[in-house]
Amino acid sequence: MDVIIRKAVKEDCPRMMELIKELAIYEKAPDAVTVDFNHFVESGFGDKPIWWAFLAEVDGRVEGFALWYIRYSTWKGQRLYLEDIIVTDKMRGQGIGKLLLDRLKEECKEKKFSGMLWQVLDWNEPAINFYKKYGSVNFDGEWVNCSVEMC
């Protein structure tokens, strides 16, 4: 299997949205994706992009991606925040997630970020086991997630 990891381009957005919706179904929240498609595109490819992504392409078809942005920590400085790493159900277990995570680690080094962080649902054992394969991953059970929805 030939996997190409590359930067996302604007034309990839429809496929990326398909995968985002697939992830929402997997995470048992099929109706939670409410982002407007045009807003999604503008946020990644407008005049002032706030997210970037690497795609995993297999035989010319996008089968996964990792979408990230810069998070600032007053203690650590700039950090890469991995919003989502998604691999299609049929391609899981083929090493695509590892390729994407490795590319993100390279990006951290290239941009001199102080680290990379993300969240994983506590019931998502396959993802937790995947992350545990990276010896440097720390699981922090101390912090509680908070959010405010704006209407």
N, C-alpha and C. Protein backbone atom coordinates (compact mmCIF):
# COMPACT_ATOMS: atom_id res chain seq x y z
N MET A 1 0.84 -1.18 0.00
CA MET A 1 0.00 0.00 0.00
C MET A 1 0.89 1.24 0.00
N ASP A 2 0.65 2.15 -0.92
CA ASP A 2 1.42 3.37 -1.04
C ASP A 2 0.63 4.53 -0.42
N VAL A 3 1.13 5.07 0.69
CA VAL A 3 0.47 6.16 1.39
C VAL A 3 1.29 7.43 1.19
N ILE A 4 0.62 8.48 0.75
CA ILE A 4 1.26 9.78 0.59
C ILE A 4 0.71 10.70 1.68
N ILE A 5 1.62 11.30 2.44
CA ILE A 5 1.23 12.31 3.43
C ILE A 5 1.56 13.67 2.83
N ARG A 6 0.55 14.54 2.77
CA ARG A 6 0.75 15.85 2.16
C ARG A 6 -0.08 16.89 2.88
N LYS A 7 0.25 18.15 2.62
CA LYS A 7 -0.53 19.24 3.18
C LYS A 7 -1.89 19.32 2.50
N ALA A 8 -2.89 19.66 3.27
CA ALA A 8 -4.23 19.83 2.71
C ALA A 8 -4.27 21.08 1.84
N VAL A 9 -5.10 21.03 0.80
CA VAL A 9 -5.39 22.19 -0.04
C VAL A 9 -6.90 22.41 -0.01
N LYS A 10 -7.31 23.57 -0.43
CA LYS A 10 -8.72 23.97 -0.37
C LYS A 10 -9.65 22.93 -1.01
N GLU A 11 -9.19 22.36 -2.10
CA GLU A 11 -10.02 21.39 -2.84
C GLU A 11 -10.26 20.10 -2.04
N ASP A 12 -9.51 19.89 -0.96
CA ASP A 12 -9.69 18.71 -0.13
C ASP A 12 -10.84 18.85 0.87
N CYS A 13 -11.35 20.05 1.04
CA CYS A 13 -12.34 20.30 2.09
C CYS A 13 -13.60 19.45 2.01
N PRO A 14 -14.18 19.21 0.83
CA PRO A 14 -15.37 18.33 0.82
C PRO A 14 -15.07 16.94 1.38
N ARG A 15 -13.94 16.36 1.00
CA ARG A 15 -13.59 15.03 1.52
C ARG A 15 -13.29 15.10 3.02
N MET A 16 -12.63 16.17 3.45
CA MET A 16 -12.35 16.32 4.87
C MET A 16 -13.65 16.37 5.67
N MET A 17 -14.65 17.09 5.16
CA MET A 17 -15.94 17.15 5.86
C MET A 17 -16.61 15.78 5.92
N GLU A 18 -16.47 14.98 4.87
CA GLU A 18 -17.00 13.62 4.91
C GLU A 18 -16.37 12.83 6.05
N LEU A 19 -15.06 12.96 6.19
CA LEU A 19 -14.36 12.24 7.24
C LEU A 19 -14.71 12.77 8.63
N ILE A 20 -14.92 14.07 8.74
CA ILE A 20 -15.33 14.66 10.02
C ILE A 20 -16.68 14.08 10.44
N LYS A 21 -17.58 13.95 9.50
CA LYS A 21 -18.89 13.38 9.81
C LYS A 21 -18.77 11.90 10.16
N GLU A 22 -17.86 11.19 9.49
CA GLU A 22 -17.62 9.79 9.82
C GLU A 22 -17.10 9.67 11.25
N LEU A 23 -16.21 10.57 11.64
CA LEU A 23 -15.68 10.57 13.00
C LEU A 23 -16.79 10.85 14.02
N ALA A 24 -17.67 11.79 13.71
CA ALA A 24 -18.77 12.11 14.61
C ALA A 24 -19.66 10.89 14.84
N ILE A 25 -19.90 10.13 13.82
CA ILE A 25 -20.69 8.89 13.96
C ILE A 25 -19.95 7.91 14.85
N TYR A 26 -18.65 7.73 14.61
CA TYR A 26 -17.82 6.82 15.41
C TYR A 26 -17.83 7.25 16.88
N GLU A 27 -17.80 8.56 17.13
CA GLU A 27 -17.76 9.07 18.50
C GLU A 27 -19.15 9.23 19.10
N LYS A 28 -20.14 8.64 18.44
CA LYS A 28 -21.51 8.58 18.94
C LYS A 28 -22.15 9.96 19.08
N ALA A 29 -21.79 10.85 18.15
CA ALA A 29 -22.35 12.20 18.16
C ALA A 29 -22.65 12.64 16.73
N PRO A 30 -23.48 11.88 16.00
CA PRO A 30 -23.67 12.16 14.57
C PRO A 30 -24.26 13.53 14.26
N ASP A 31 -24.96 14.14 15.20
CA ASP A 31 -25.57 15.44 14.94
C ASP A 31 -24.75 16.60 15.50
N ALA A 32 -23.58 16.31 16.03
CA ALA A 32 -22.78 17.35 16.68
C ALA A 32 -21.99 18.22 15.70
N VAL A 33 -21.82 17.77 14.46
CA VAL A 33 -21.08 18.57 13.48
C VAL A 33 -22.02 19.65 12.94
N THR A 34 -21.77 20.88 13.38
CA THR A 34 -22.65 21.99 12.98
C THR A 34 -21.90 23.08 12.23
N VAL A 35 -20.60 22.90 12.02
CA VAL A 35 -19.82 23.93 11.34
C VAL A 35 -20.32 24.09 9.90
N ASP A 36 -20.47 25.33 9.49
CA ASP A 36 -20.85 25.63 8.12
C ASP A 36 -19.66 25.32 7.20
N PHE A 37 -19.93 24.67 6.09
CA PHE A 37 -18.85 24.29 5.18
C PHE A 37 -18.01 25.48 4.74
N ASN A 38 -18.66 26.58 4.37
CA ASN A 38 -17.91 27.77 3.93
C ASN A 38 -17.04 28.34 5.05
N HIS A 39 -17.53 28.28 6.27
CA HIS A 39 -16.74 28.73 7.42
C HIS A 39 -15.53 27.83 7.61
N PHE A 40 -15.74 26.53 7.46
CA PHE A 40 -14.64 25.56 7.56
C PHE A 40 -13.55 25.87 6.54
N VAL A 41 -13.96 26.09 5.30
CA VAL A 41 -13.01 26.38 4.22
C VAL A 41 -12.28 27.70 4.50
N GLU A 42 -13.03 28.73 4.83
CA GLU A 42 -12.43 30.05 5.11
C GLU A 42 -11.45 29.98 6.28
N SER A 43 -11.78 29.19 7.29
CA SER A 43 -10.92 29.08 8.47
C SER A 43 -9.59 28.41 8.17
N GLY A 44 -9.57 27.58 7.14
CA GLY A 44 -8.34 26.90 6.78
C GLY A 44 -7.60 27.50 5.60
N PHE A 45 -8.34 28.19 4.72
CA PHE A 45 -7.72 28.65 3.48
C PHE A 45 -8.05 30.09 3.12
N GLY A 46 -8.60 30.83 4.07
CA GLY A 46 -8.89 32.25 3.83
C GLY A 46 -7.64 33.10 4.02
N ASP A 47 -7.84 34.40 4.14
CA ASP A 47 -6.74 35.35 4.30
C ASP A 47 -5.94 35.11 5.58
N LYS A 48 -6.61 34.67 6.62
CA LYS A 48 -5.95 34.43 7.92
C LYS A 48 -6.32 33.04 8.42
N PRO A 49 -5.69 32.01 7.86
CA PRO A 49 -6.04 30.64 8.29
C PRO A 49 -5.73 30.42 9.76
N ILE A 50 -6.59 29.66 10.41
CA ILE A 50 -6.35 29.33 11.81
C ILE A 50 -6.15 27.84 12.03
N TRP A 51 -6.32 27.03 10.99
CA TRP A 51 -6.00 25.62 11.10
C TRP A 51 -5.24 25.16 9.87
N TRP A 52 -4.52 24.06 10.03
CA TRP A 52 -3.76 23.44 8.95
C TRP A 52 -3.99 21.94 9.07
N ALA A 53 -3.69 21.22 8.00
CA ALA A 53 -3.92 19.78 8.06
C ALA A 53 -2.94 19.05 7.15
N PHE A 54 -2.64 17.82 7.54
CA PHE A 54 -1.92 16.88 6.70
C PHE A 54 -2.89 15.77 6.34
N LEU A 55 -2.85 15.36 5.08
CA LEU A 55 -3.74 14.32 4.59
C LEU A 55 -2.96 13.06 4.28
N ALA A 56 -3.65 11.94 4.44
CA ALA A 56 -3.10 10.65 4.05
C ALA A 56 -3.89 10.19 2.83
N GLU A 57 -3.19 10.05 1.74
CA GLU A 57 -3.80 9.67 0.47
C GLU A 57 -3.35 8.26 0.11
N VAL A 58 -4.31 7.41 -0.21
CA VAL A 58 -4.02 6.04 -0.63
C VAL A 58 -4.67 5.84 -2.00
N ASP A 59 -3.85 5.52 -2.98
CA ASP A 59 -4.35 5.32 -4.34
C ASP A 59 -5.19 6.51 -4.82
N GLY A 60 -4.73 7.73 -4.51
CA GLY A 60 -5.40 8.93 -4.97
C GLY A 60 -6.62 9.34 -4.18
N ARG A 61 -6.95 8.62 -3.10
CA ARG A 61 -8.13 8.95 -2.30
C ARG A 61 -7.69 9.30 -0.88
N VAL A 62 -8.23 10.38 -0.35
CA VAL A 62 -7.93 10.78 1.03
C VAL A 62 -8.62 9.81 1.97
N GLU A 63 -7.80 9.12 2.78
CA GLU A 63 -8.31 8.12 3.72
C GLU A 63 -8.09 8.52 5.18
N GLY A 64 -7.48 9.69 5.36
CA GLY A 64 -7.27 10.17 6.72
C GLY A 64 -6.68 11.55 6.72
N PHE A 65 -6.77 12.22 7.85
CA PHE A 65 -6.11 13.51 7.99
C PHE A 65 -5.90 13.85 9.46
N ALA A 66 -4.99 14.78 9.68
CA ALA A 66 -4.74 15.33 11.00
C ALA A 66 -4.86 16.84 10.88
N LEU A 67 -5.82 17.43 11.60
CA LEU A 67 -6.05 18.87 11.56
C LEU A 67 -5.53 19.47 12.86
N TRP A 68 -4.75 20.54 12.73
CA TRP A 68 -4.12 21.14 13.91
C TRP A 68 -4.13 22.65 13.85
N TYR A 69 -3.87 23.25 14.99
CA TYR A 69 -3.71 24.70 15.08
C TYR A 69 -2.70 25.01 16.17
N ILE A 70 -2.35 26.28 16.29
CA ILE A 70 -1.37 26.69 17.29
C ILE A 70 -2.11 27.09 18.57
N ARG A 71 -1.68 26.50 19.65
CA ARG A 71 -2.20 26.84 20.97
C ARG A 71 -1.07 27.52 21.74
N TYR A 72 -1.41 28.54 22.49
CA TYR A 72 -0.37 29.22 23.26
C TYR A 72 -0.55 28.91 24.74
N SER A 73 0.52 28.47 25.37
CA SER A 73 0.55 28.20 26.80
C SER A 73 1.42 29.25 27.47
N THR A 74 0.89 29.88 28.51
CA THR A 74 1.69 30.86 29.24
C THR A 74 2.87 30.19 29.94
N TRP A 75 2.81 28.90 30.13
CA TRP A 75 3.91 28.17 30.77
C TRP A 75 4.89 27.59 29.76
N LYS A 76 4.39 27.19 28.59
CA LYS A 76 5.21 26.45 27.63
C LYS A 76 5.45 27.16 26.30
N GLY A 77 4.69 28.21 26.00
CA GLY A 77 4.82 28.88 24.71
C GLY A 77 3.94 28.24 23.66
N GLN A 78 4.35 28.34 22.39
CA GLN A 78 3.54 27.81 21.28
C GLN A 78 3.59 26.29 21.27
N ARG A 79 2.41 25.70 21.10
CA ARG A 79 2.29 24.26 21.05
C ARG A 79 1.37 23.88 19.89
N LEU A 80 1.61 22.76 19.28
CA LEU A 80 0.73 22.26 18.24
C LEU A 80 -0.43 21.55 18.93
N TYR A 81 -1.65 21.99 18.65
CA TYR A 81 -2.82 21.33 19.19
C TYR A 81 -3.47 20.50 18.08
N LEU A 82 -3.50 19.22 18.27
CA LEU A 82 -4.11 18.29 17.32
C LEU A 82 -5.60 18.23 17.61
N GLU A 83 -6.38 18.86 16.76
CA GLU A 83 -7.83 18.88 16.94
C GLU A 83 -8.42 17.51 16.62
N ASP A 84 -8.05 16.96 15.49
CA ASP A 84 -8.55 15.64 15.11
C ASP A 84 -7.52 14.90 14.29
N ILE A 85 -7.42 13.62 14.56
CA ILE A 85 -6.71 12.71 13.67
C ILE A 85 -7.75 11.67 13.28
N ILE A 86 -7.98 11.57 12.00
CA ILE A 86 -9.06 10.73 11.49
C ILE A 86 -8.50 9.80 10.42
N VAL A 87 -8.82 8.53 10.55
CA VAL A 87 -8.51 7.54 9.52
C VAL A 87 -9.82 6.78 9.26
N THR A 88 -10.15 6.60 8.01
CA THR A 88 -11.39 5.90 7.68
C THR A 88 -11.42 4.53 8.33
N ASP A 89 -12.61 4.08 8.64
CA ASP A 89 -12.79 2.80 9.31
C ASP A 89 -12.08 1.67 8.58
N LYS A 90 -12.21 1.65 7.25
CA LYS A 90 -11.64 0.54 6.48
C LYS A 90 -10.11 0.57 6.44
N MET A 91 -9.50 1.73 6.75
CA MET A 91 -8.04 1.86 6.67
C MET A 91 -7.36 1.86 8.05
N ARG A 92 -8.14 1.77 9.12
CA ARG A 92 -7.52 1.73 10.45
C ARG A 92 -6.69 0.48 10.60
N GLY A 93 -5.60 0.62 11.34
CA GLY A 93 -4.72 -0.52 11.57
C GLY A 93 -3.70 -0.74 10.47
N GLN A 94 -3.63 0.18 9.50
CA GLN A 94 -2.71 0.04 8.37
C GLN A 94 -1.46 0.94 8.50
N GLY A 95 -1.32 1.62 9.64
CA GLY A 95 -0.16 2.48 9.85
C GLY A 95 -0.34 3.92 9.42
N ILE A 96 -1.53 4.27 8.96
CA ILE A 96 -1.77 5.63 8.48
C ILE A 96 -1.74 6.63 9.63
N GLY A 97 -2.35 6.28 10.74
CA GLY A 97 -2.33 7.17 11.91
C GLY A 97 -0.92 7.46 12.37
N LYS A 98 -0.07 6.45 12.36
CA LYS A 98 1.33 6.63 12.76
C LYS A 98 2.04 7.58 11.81
N LEU A 99 1.80 7.43 10.51
CA LEU A 99 2.42 8.33 9.54
C LEU A 99 1.98 9.77 9.76
N LEU A 100 0.71 9.96 10.05
CA LEU A 100 0.20 11.31 10.31
C LEU A 100 0.81 11.89 11.60
N LEU A 101 0.85 11.08 12.64
CA LEU A 101 1.41 11.55 13.90
C LEU A 101 2.90 11.85 13.77
N ASP A 102 3.60 11.03 13.02
CA ASP A 102 5.03 11.29 12.78
C ASP A 102 5.23 12.60 12.02
N ARG A 103 4.35 12.88 11.06
CA ARG A 103 4.46 14.14 10.31
C ARG A 103 4.18 15.34 11.21
N LEU A 104 3.25 15.19 12.13
CA LEU A 104 2.98 16.26 13.08
C LEU A 104 4.17 16.51 13.99
N LYS A 105 4.84 15.45 14.40
CA LYS A 105 6.03 15.62 15.23
C LYS A 105 7.12 16.37 14.46
N GLU A 106 7.26 16.08 13.18
CA GLU A 106 8.21 16.82 12.34
C GLU A 106 7.83 18.30 12.28
N GLU A 107 6.54 18.57 12.12
CA GLU A 107 6.06 19.95 12.07
C GLU A 107 6.39 20.70 13.36
N CYS A 108 6.22 20.02 14.48
CA CYS A 108 6.57 20.62 15.78
C CYS A 108 8.04 21.03 15.80
N LYS A 109 8.89 20.15 15.33
CA LYS A 109 10.32 20.43 15.32
C LYS A 109 10.65 21.56 14.36
N GLU A 110 10.07 21.52 13.15
CA GLU A 110 10.33 22.55 12.14
C GLU A 110 9.91 23.93 12.63
N LYS A 111 8.79 24.01 13.32
CA LYS A 111 8.25 25.30 13.76
C LYS A 111 8.71 25.66 15.17
N LYS A 112 9.52 24.78 15.76
CA LYS A 112 10.07 25.00 17.10
C LYS A 112 8.98 25.17 18.16
N PHE A 113 7.89 24.41 18.02
CA PHE A 113 6.86 24.38 19.05
C PHE A 113 7.42 23.63 20.26
N SER A 114 6.89 23.94 21.43
CA SER A 114 7.38 23.30 22.64
C SER A 114 6.77 21.91 22.85
N GLY A 115 5.80 21.55 22.07
CA GLY A 115 5.19 20.23 22.19
C GLY A 115 3.91 20.14 21.40
N MET A 116 3.25 19.01 21.58
CA MET A 116 2.00 18.73 20.89
C MET A 116 1.03 18.14 21.90
N LEU A 117 -0.22 18.54 21.82
CA LEU A 117 -1.21 17.98 22.72
C LEU A 117 -2.54 17.78 22.01
N TRP A 118 -3.37 16.95 22.62
CA TRP A 118 -4.68 16.62 22.07
C TRP A 118 -5.50 15.96 23.16
N GLN A 119 -6.73 15.63 22.83
CA GLN A 119 -7.63 14.93 23.74
C GLN A 119 -8.05 13.62 23.11
N VAL A 120 -8.43 12.69 23.97
CA VAL A 120 -8.99 11.42 23.50
C VAL A 120 -10.12 11.06 24.46
N LEU A 121 -11.21 10.57 23.91
CA LEU A 121 -12.33 10.15 24.74
C LEU A 121 -11.93 8.96 25.60
N ASP A 122 -12.35 8.97 26.85
CA ASP A 122 -11.92 7.92 27.79
C ASP A 122 -12.39 6.52 27.41
N TRP A 123 -13.42 6.41 26.58
CA TRP A 123 -13.91 5.09 26.18
C TRP A 123 -13.28 4.60 24.87
N ASN A 124 -12.51 5.44 24.21
CA ASN A 124 -11.95 5.09 22.91
C ASN A 124 -10.65 4.29 23.07
N GLU A 125 -10.82 3.05 23.48
CA GLU A 125 -9.66 2.17 23.75
C GLU A 125 -8.73 2.01 22.55
N PRO A 126 -9.25 1.84 21.32
CA PRO A 126 -8.31 1.73 20.19
C PRO A 126 -7.40 2.95 20.06
N ALA A 127 -7.97 4.16 20.22
CA ALA A 127 -7.15 5.37 20.12
C ALA A 127 -6.17 5.46 21.29
N ILE A 128 -6.64 5.15 22.49
CA ILE A 128 -5.77 5.20 23.67
C ILE A 128 -4.60 4.24 23.49
N ASN A 129 -4.88 3.03 23.03
CA ASN A 129 -3.81 2.06 22.80
C ASN A 129 -2.85 2.52 21.72
N PHE A 130 -3.38 3.16 20.68
CA PHE A 130 -2.54 3.70 19.62
C PHE A 130 -1.58 4.74 20.20
N TYR A 131 -2.10 5.67 21.02
CA TYR A 131 -1.26 6.72 21.60
C TYR A 131 -0.24 6.16 22.58
N LYS A 132 -0.60 5.09 23.28
CA LYS A 132 0.32 4.49 24.25
C LYS A 132 1.56 3.91 23.58
N LYS A 133 1.49 3.63 22.30
CA LYS A 133 2.65 3.11 21.57
C LYS A 133 3.76 4.15 21.47
N TYR A 134 3.39 5.43 21.64
CA TYR A 134 4.37 6.51 21.65
C TYR A 134 4.79 6.72 23.09
N GLY A 135 6.00 6.32 23.43
CA GLY A 135 6.47 6.36 24.81
C GLY A 135 6.43 7.72 25.47
N SER A 136 6.44 8.78 24.69
CA SER A 136 6.49 10.12 25.26
C SER A 136 5.11 10.72 25.51
N VAL A 137 4.05 9.99 25.21
CA VAL A 137 2.70 10.53 25.40
C VAL A 137 2.33 10.43 26.88
N ASN A 138 1.87 11.56 27.42
CA ASN A 138 1.42 11.61 28.81
C ASN A 138 -0.10 11.69 28.83
N PHE A 139 -0.71 10.87 29.66
CA PHE A 139 -2.16 10.92 29.84
C PHE A 139 -2.43 11.67 31.14
N ASP A 140 -3.16 12.77 31.03
CA ASP A 140 -3.39 13.64 32.17
C ASP A 140 -4.85 13.54 32.58
N GLY A 141 -5.10 12.90 33.69
CA GLY A 141 -6.47 12.77 34.18
C GLY A 141 -6.85 13.87 35.15
N GLU A 142 -5.96 14.85 35.33
CA GLU A 142 -6.17 15.89 36.32
C GLU A 142 -7.09 17.02 35.85
N TRP A 143 -7.04 17.36 34.56
CA TRP A 143 -7.78 18.50 34.05
C TRP A 143 -9.19 18.11 33.63
N VAL A 144 -10.12 19.02 33.79
CA VAL A 144 -11.51 18.82 33.39
C VAL A 144 -11.77 19.73 32.20
N ASN A 145 -12.38 19.20 31.16
CA ASN A 145 -12.70 20.00 29.97
C ASN A 145 -13.88 20.92 30.28
N CYS A 146 -13.79 22.13 29.81
CA CYS A 146 -14.87 23.12 29.96
C CYS A 146 -15.11 23.77 28.61
N SER A 147 -16.34 24.18 28.36
CA SER A 147 -16.65 24.90 27.13
C SER A 147 -17.90 25.74 27.33
N VAL A 148 -18.03 26.74 26.49
CA VAL A 148 -19.22 27.58 26.45
C VAL A 148 -19.67 27.64 25.01
N GLU A 149 -20.92 27.35 24.75
CA GLU A 149 -21.47 27.44 23.40
C GLU A 149 -22.03 28.84 23.21
N MET A 150 -21.67 29.46 22.10
CA MET A 150 -22.14 30.82 21.82
C MET A 150 -23.21 30.77 20.73
N CYS A 151 -24.28 31.46 20.95
CA CYS A 151 -25.37 31.47 19.97
C CYS A 151 -25.43 32.78 19.24
